[in-house]
Protein backbone atom coordinates (compact mmCIF):
# COMPACT_ATOMS: atom_id res chain seq x y z
CA MET A 1 9.18 8.87 -8.31
CA ARG A 2 7.47 6.74 -5.66
CA ILE A 3 4.26 7.72 -3.86
CA GLU A 4 2.82 5.58 -1.08
CA VAL A 5 -0.88 5.93 -0.36
CA VAL A 6 -1.47 4.73 3.19
CA ASN A 7 -4.96 3.59 4.12
CA PRO A 8 -4.89 3.87 7.93
CA ASN A 9 -7.46 1.12 8.42
CA THR A 10 -6.61 -2.55 7.95
CA SER A 11 -9.10 -3.41 5.18
CA ARG A 12 -7.16 -4.95 2.31
CA GLU A 13 -10.18 -4.75 0.00
CA MET A 14 -10.54 -1.02 0.56
CA THR A 15 -6.78 -0.59 0.18
CA ALA A 16 -6.89 -2.37 -3.18
CA ALA A 17 -9.63 -0.01 -4.41
CA ILE A 18 -7.64 3.00 -3.22
CA GLY A 19 -4.61 1.62 -5.06
CA ARG A 20 -6.48 1.23 -8.34
CA ALA A 21 -7.82 4.78 -8.20
CA SER A 22 -4.40 6.16 -7.28
CA GLN A 23 -2.57 4.37 -10.06
CA ALA A 24 -5.19 5.46 -12.60
CA ILE A 25 -4.56 9.16 -11.98
CA ALA A 26 -0.77 9.24 -11.53
CA GLY A 27 1.47 10.71 -14.23
CA PRO A 28 4.04 8.89 -16.37
CA GLY A 29 6.97 7.50 -14.44
CA VAL A 30 5.17 7.65 -11.09
CA ASP A 31 5.08 4.43 -9.07
CA VAL A 32 2.05 4.61 -6.78
CA ARG A 33 1.44 1.92 -4.20
CA ALA A 34 -1.36 1.62 -1.68
CA THR A 35 -0.63 0.04 1.68
CA CYS A 36 -2.40 -0.50 4.99
CA PRO A 37 -0.97 -1.11 8.46
CA ALA A 38 -0.55 -4.51 10.06
CA MET A 39 -2.27 -3.19 13.19
CA GLY A 40 -5.21 -0.91 13.81
CA PRO A 41 -8.99 -0.72 13.37
CA ALA A 42 -10.83 -2.41 10.52
CA SER A 43 -12.44 0.95 9.74
CA ILE A 44 -12.24 4.47 11.16
CA GLU A 45 -15.61 5.74 12.35
CA SER A 46 -14.90 7.37 15.72
CA HIS A 47 -12.29 9.44 17.55
CA TYR A 48 -11.21 6.20 19.27
CA ASP A 49 -10.70 4.45 15.93
CA GLU A 50 -8.79 7.43 14.60
CA ALA A 51 -6.46 7.63 17.61
CA LEU A 52 -5.62 3.92 17.46
CA SER A 53 -5.03 4.04 13.70
CA VAL A 54 -2.11 6.43 14.07
CA PRO A 55 0.63 4.05 15.34
CA GLY A 56 0.13 1.68 12.41
CA LEU A 57 0.02 4.60 9.98
CA LEU A 58 3.27 6.02 11.36
CA ALA A 59 4.95 2.63 11.14
CA GLU A 60 4.18 2.62 7.40
CA ILE A 61 5.57 6.15 7.01
CA ALA A 62 8.68 5.32 9.07
CA ALA A 63 9.52 2.44 6.72
CA GLY A 64 10.61 5.10 4.23
CA ARG A 65 9.61 3.26 1.06
CA ALA A 66 8.53 6.33 -0.93
CA ASP A 67 9.40 9.88 -1.91
CA GLY A 68 6.00 11.23 -0.80
CA TYR A 69 2.92 10.01 1.02
CA VAL A 70 -0.87 10.29 1.01
CA ILE A 71 -2.97 9.61 4.12
CA ALA A 72 -6.12 8.01 2.72
CA CYS A 73 -8.67 8.67 5.45
CA PHE A 74 -10.91 11.74 5.47
CA GLY A 75 -10.10 12.50 9.12
CA ASP A 76 -6.45 13.05 8.07
CA PRO A 77 -5.30 11.05 11.14
CA GLY A 78 -1.70 11.51 12.23
CA LEU A 79 -1.00 14.10 9.53
CA ASP A 80 1.18 16.40 11.64
CA ALA A 81 3.16 13.49 13.11
CA ALA A 82 3.64 11.98 9.65
CA ARG A 83 5.01 15.29 8.38
CA GLU A 84 7.56 15.29 11.21
CA LEU A 85 8.59 11.76 10.34
CA ALA A 86 8.57 11.58 6.54
CA ASP A 87 11.50 12.46 4.34
CA GLY A 88 9.17 13.98 1.74
CA PRO A 89 5.75 15.66 1.43
CA VAL A 90 2.68 14.18 3.15
CA VAL A 91 -0.85 15.17 2.10
CA GLY A 92 -4.13 14.16 3.75
CA ILE A 93 -7.14 13.51 1.55
CA ALA A 94 -9.48 15.88 3.40
CA GLU A 95 -7.16 18.84 2.98
CA ALA A 96 -6.47 17.92 -0.65
CA ALA A 97 -10.16 17.55 -1.48
CA MET A 98 -11.26 20.77 0.20
CA ARG A 99 -8.53 22.87 -1.38
CA THR A 100 -9.29 21.40 -4.79
CA ALA A 101 -13.03 21.98 -4.41
CA ALA A 102 -12.44 25.62 -3.49
CA LEU A 103 -10.93 26.12 -6.97
CA LEU A 104 -14.07 24.86 -8.70
CA GLY A 105 -16.91 26.94 -7.30
CA ARG A 106 -18.09 29.41 -4.67
CA GLY A 107 -18.86 26.70 -2.15
CA PHE A 108 -18.79 22.95 -1.58
CA SER A 109 -20.65 20.33 0.42
CA VAL A 110 -18.92 17.40 2.13
CA VAL A 111 -20.79 14.08 2.03
CA THR A 112 -19.35 11.57 4.47
CA THR A 113 -20.33 8.17 5.86
CA LEU A 114 -21.81 8.21 9.36
CA GLU A 115 -23.43 11.23 11.00
CA ARG A 116 -21.08 11.01 13.97
CA THR A 117 -18.10 11.91 11.71
CA CYS A 118 -19.58 15.21 10.49
CA GLY A 119 -18.07 17.20 13.35
CA ARG A 120 -14.58 16.04 12.45
CA ALA A 121 -15.06 17.23 8.86
CA TRP A 122 -16.12 20.65 10.14
CA ASP A 123 -13.08 20.75 12.44
CA LEU A 124 -10.80 20.15 9.46
CA ALA A 125 -12.58 22.74 7.31
CA HIS A 126 -11.84 25.33 10.00
CA ARG A 127 -8.28 24.15 10.48
CA TYR A 128 -7.48 24.35 6.77
CA GLY A 129 -9.12 27.77 6.32
CA MET A 130 -11.87 26.21 4.22
CA ALA A 131 -14.86 26.93 6.47
CA GLY A 132 -15.79 29.92 4.32
CA PHE A 133 -16.10 27.63 1.29
CA CYS A 134 -17.76 24.70 3.08
CA ARG A 135 -21.52 25.19 2.94
CA GLY A 136 -22.46 21.99 4.69
CA VAL A 137 -21.40 18.55 5.90
CA SER A 138 -23.85 15.67 5.71
CA ALA A 139 -23.80 11.89 5.92
CA CYS A 140 -25.17 9.08 3.79
CA ASP A 141 -25.36 6.92 6.95
CA VAL A 142 -23.53 3.98 5.39
CA PRO A 143 -20.62 2.36 7.30
CA VAL A 144 -17.16 2.83 5.80
CA LEU A 145 -16.67 -0.78 4.74
CA GLU A 146 -20.07 -0.86 3.00
CA VAL A 147 -19.91 2.46 1.18
CA GLU A 148 -18.26 1.15 -1.98
CA ALA A 149 -21.37 -0.93 -2.71
CA ALA A 150 -23.83 1.79 -1.68
CA VAL A 151 -23.56 4.20 -4.61
CA ASP A 152 -27.29 4.94 -4.65
CA ALA A 153 -27.22 6.09 -1.04
CA VAL A 154 -24.19 8.29 -1.67
CA VAL A 155 -25.79 9.81 -4.78
CA ALA A 156 -28.99 10.55 -2.86
CA ALA A 157 -27.03 12.24 -0.06
CA CYS A 158 -25.01 14.28 -2.59
CA ARG A 159 -28.13 15.47 -4.41
CA SER A 160 -29.75 16.44 -1.13
CA ALA A 161 -26.64 18.31 0.00
CA VAL A 162 -26.33 20.28 -3.25
CA ALA A 163 -29.97 21.35 -3.03
CA ALA A 164 -29.95 22.17 0.69
CA ASP A 165 -26.56 23.92 0.73
CA ARG A 166 -26.80 25.53 -2.73
CA SER A 167 -23.32 24.17 -3.41
CA ASP A 168 -21.38 24.16 -6.65
CA VAL A 169 -19.16 21.19 -5.78
CA VAL A 170 -19.34 18.00 -3.72
CA VAL A 171 -16.43 16.61 -1.71
CA LEU A 172 -16.54 12.88 -1.02
CA GLY A 173 -15.83 12.37 2.66
CA CYS A 174 -14.46 8.83 2.61
CA ALA A 175 -11.59 7.13 0.79
CA GLY A 176 -13.88 4.17 0.18
CA MET A 177 -15.88 6.27 -2.30
CA THR A 178 -12.89 6.87 -4.59
CA GLU A 179 -13.74 4.47 -7.45
CA GLN A 180 -17.35 5.63 -7.53
CA ARG A 181 -16.51 9.30 -8.13
CA PRO A 182 -17.23 9.38 -11.91
CA GLU A 183 -20.58 7.61 -11.48
CA ILE A 184 -21.56 9.91 -8.61
CA GLU A 185 -20.59 13.01 -10.58
CA ARG A 186 -22.68 11.95 -13.59
CA ALA A 187 -25.68 11.35 -11.36
CA VAL A 188 -25.39 14.55 -9.30
CA GLY A 189 -24.53 16.98 -12.11
CA VAL A 190 -21.88 19.09 -10.34
CA PRO A 191 -18.11 18.57 -9.98
CA VAL A 192 -17.36 15.83 -7.44
CA VAL A 193 -13.92 15.75 -5.81
CA ASP A 194 -12.32 12.58 -4.48
CA GLY A 195 -9.55 13.34 -2.01
CA VAL A 196 -7.51 10.23 -2.80
CA GLN A 197 -6.85 11.19 -6.41
CA ALA A 198 -6.54 14.89 -5.56
CA ALA A 199 -3.92 14.11 -2.90
CA VAL A 200 -1.91 11.81 -5.18
CA LEU A 201 -1.63 14.57 -7.78
CA GLN A 202 -0.75 17.17 -5.15
CA VAL A 203 2.07 14.99 -3.81
CA GLU A 204 3.24 14.35 -7.36
CA SER A 205 3.24 18.11 -8.07
CA LEU A 206 5.22 18.87 -4.91
CA LEU A 207 7.81 16.24 -5.80
CA ARG A 208 8.15 17.52 -9.38
CA LEU A 209 8.67 21.02 -7.97
CA GLY A 210 11.36 19.70 -5.64
CA LEU A 211 9.40 20.78 -2.56
CA ARG A 212 9.15 19.06 0.79
CA THR A 213 7.86 19.76 4.28
CA SER A 214 9.85 22.50 6.00
CA ALA A 215 12.07 21.37 8.86
CA ALA A 216 12.54 24.91 10.16
CA GLY A 217 9.91 24.73 12.90
CA GLU A 218 7.46 22.31 14.44
CA PHE A 219 7.68 19.82 11.57
CA ALA A 220 11.36 19.16 12.22
CA ALA A 221 12.14 15.54 13.07
CA PRO A 222 10.87 14.62 16.54
CA PRO A 223 13.52 14.80 19.29
CA PRO A 224 15.09 11.41 20.13
CA LYS A 225 13.75 9.64 23.21
CA PRO A 226 12.77 6.15 24.32
CA TYR A 227 9.15 4.95 24.45
CA SER A 228 7.86 2.31 26.86
CA GLY A 229 5.64 -0.76 26.74
CA VAL A 230 3.91 -1.65 23.49
CA LEU A 231 5.15 1.66 22.02
CA ALA A 232 8.83 0.83 22.60
CA PRO A 233 9.44 0.22 18.86
CA PHE A 234 8.26 3.78 18.17
CA GLY A 235 11.04 5.41 20.18
CA VAL A 236 12.93 7.91 18.00
CA ARG A 237 16.57 6.99 17.54
CA ARG A 238 19.15 9.75 17.51
CA GLU A 239 20.41 8.76 14.07
CA LEU A 240 16.88 8.99 12.64
CA ALA A 241 16.31 12.43 14.11
CA ALA A 242 19.64 13.57 12.67
CA SER A 243 18.91 12.28 9.17
CA VAL A 244 15.32 13.28 8.46
CA ARG A 245 14.93 16.17 5.98
CA LYS A 246 18.40 17.65 6.33
CA THR A 247 19.09 17.91 2.62
CA PRO A 248 16.89 19.02 -0.29
CA GLY A 249 15.64 16.63 -2.95
């Protein structure tokens, strides 16, 4: 079983950390590899960054190197498009983290990086039906590429969120926090959920159950058509559209 964890930004250091955390949690016989695109933003901290991260992310998915995929950015960029494209399940870390947290208490707080990304987290909580469990979204105000070394700031933000929101669980709102999860949990004193590891195990579970994204409706393979300009390589070939997710397994 092969699972590819795609970090949609181009930071190789962050991708390596995501890979270590992913491999540490995977079950026996599961080959987990973390990758990042050759093109895209160095970090994802705005709607603009998120939009321009999607082509590189989809190029990684289209390569078809794995049985299932994780999108390792808390905005879950390109998730719907990736599900159309992939021949196997695709899970975003925000959805995985929120659904996992809802199993652990009456309510959770999301602690993300920059304040400007809080609205996106709320959007996803509503989209995934998790708004009733989400008691608050707050930021530690540390940039994405600096968050791995800023554990004290993340811990302080988590403690503040638990007290202000009266939450039972904390959701870490950035893939760059993944290796710090145990330390943060010890310091905060409530369950702390990292979406990277949660998503890896959810993809693994879906694969072991023999389940994949349904092709019966909007997540069927995209219709074939040419694309122009710099997006010409992303045009969907007829043979690809005919082959994606037509057989179980």
